[in-house]
Every structure is written in structure tokens, then in C-alpha cells.
Amino acid sequence: MTWVDAEPDITMPELSARLVAATGVRAHPASLSRALLKAGYSFKKNAAGLGVRTR
């Protein structure tokens, strides 16, 4: 979750790629999204219409 806190606008595919590079573990972006939602993170759009994850 540290990556999401450090870079709140990271996309799920980017997060998945970073996870593979750092640990070798492959996770589908949708699975990561579900895990973040369960951990209390939410997905909100800003005024420009772009999504930003917040906790």
C-alpha cells in the first residue's frame, strides 16, 4: 500500500507491473483494485475527470 500512498494517481496496470518487478508476484489489476477497496481505499474523480485513489 506504500506505493499507493506515495503515488495516489497510480493506475492498476502500473501497480501490477511494479509488483511484478519488485517481488515477482503477478496480480491482475482488477484483483489489486478489489484488495485496495477492501483495505479502505476509494476511487474518486477530480474536477478534470481523472481518477485519483485516496484513503
Protein backbone atom coordinates (compact mmCIF):
# COMPACT_ATOMS: atom_id res chain seq x y z
CA MET A 1 0.00 0.00 0.00
CA THR A 2 3.04 2.24 0.34
CA TRP A 3 3.17 2.69 -3.44
CA VAL A 4 -0.44 3.89 -3.48
CA ASP A 5 0.18 6.31 -0.60
CA ALA A 6 3.29 7.68 -2.31
CA GLU A 7 1.64 7.97 -5.74
CA PRO A 8 -2.15 8.20 -5.30
CA ASP A 9 -2.85 8.51 -9.03
CA ILE A 10 -1.09 5.25 -9.95
CA THR A 11 -3.13 3.06 -12.28
CA MET A 12 -3.87 -0.58 -11.53
CA PRO A 13 -1.81 -1.82 -14.52
CA GLU A 14 1.13 0.31 -13.33
CA LEU A 15 0.72 -1.05 -9.81
CA SER A 16 0.60 -4.60 -11.16
CA ALA A 17 3.79 -4.06 -13.18
CA ARG A 18 5.55 -2.56 -10.17
CA LEU A 19 4.52 -5.54 -8.04
CA VAL A 20 5.96 -7.97 -10.60
CA ALA A 21 9.22 -6.01 -10.85
CA ALA A 22 9.68 -5.76 -7.08
CA THR A 23 8.54 -9.20 -5.93
CA GLY A 24 7.93 -11.43 -8.95
CA VAL A 25 4.29 -11.82 -7.88
CA ARG A 26 1.73 -11.42 -10.68
CA ALA A 27 -1.67 -9.99 -9.80
CA HIS A 28 -4.42 -8.94 -12.17
CA PRO A 29 -5.22 -5.20 -11.97
CA ALA A 30 -8.85 -5.97 -11.05
CA SER A 31 -7.68 -8.10 -8.12
CA LEU A 32 -5.47 -5.27 -6.91
CA SER A 33 -8.39 -2.86 -7.18
CA ARG A 34 -10.64 -5.14 -5.10
CA ALA A 35 -7.91 -5.53 -2.47
CA LEU A 36 -7.43 -1.76 -2.22
CA LEU A 37 -11.17 -1.21 -1.86
CA LYS A 38 -11.31 -3.77 0.97
CA ALA A 39 -8.33 -2.04 2.62
CA GLY A 40 -10.28 1.23 2.74
CA TYR A 41 -9.00 2.99 -0.34
CA SER A 42 -11.56 4.64 -2.58
CA PHE A 43 -11.56 5.81 -6.17
CA LYS A 44 -12.73 9.37 -6.77
CA LYS A 45 -12.66 11.51 -9.88
CA ASN A 46 -11.28 15.03 -9.68
CA ALA A 47 -12.64 18.10 -11.49
CA ALA A 48 -10.70 17.22 -14.65
CA GLY A 49 -12.48 13.86 -14.80
CA LEU A 50 -9.36 11.90 -13.94
CA GLY A 51 -9.45 9.26 -11.24
CA VAL A 52 -7.47 9.55 -8.03
CA ARG A 53 -7.26 6.94 -5.31
CA THR A 54 -7.47 8.18 -1.75
CA ARG A 55 -7.54 6.53 1.63
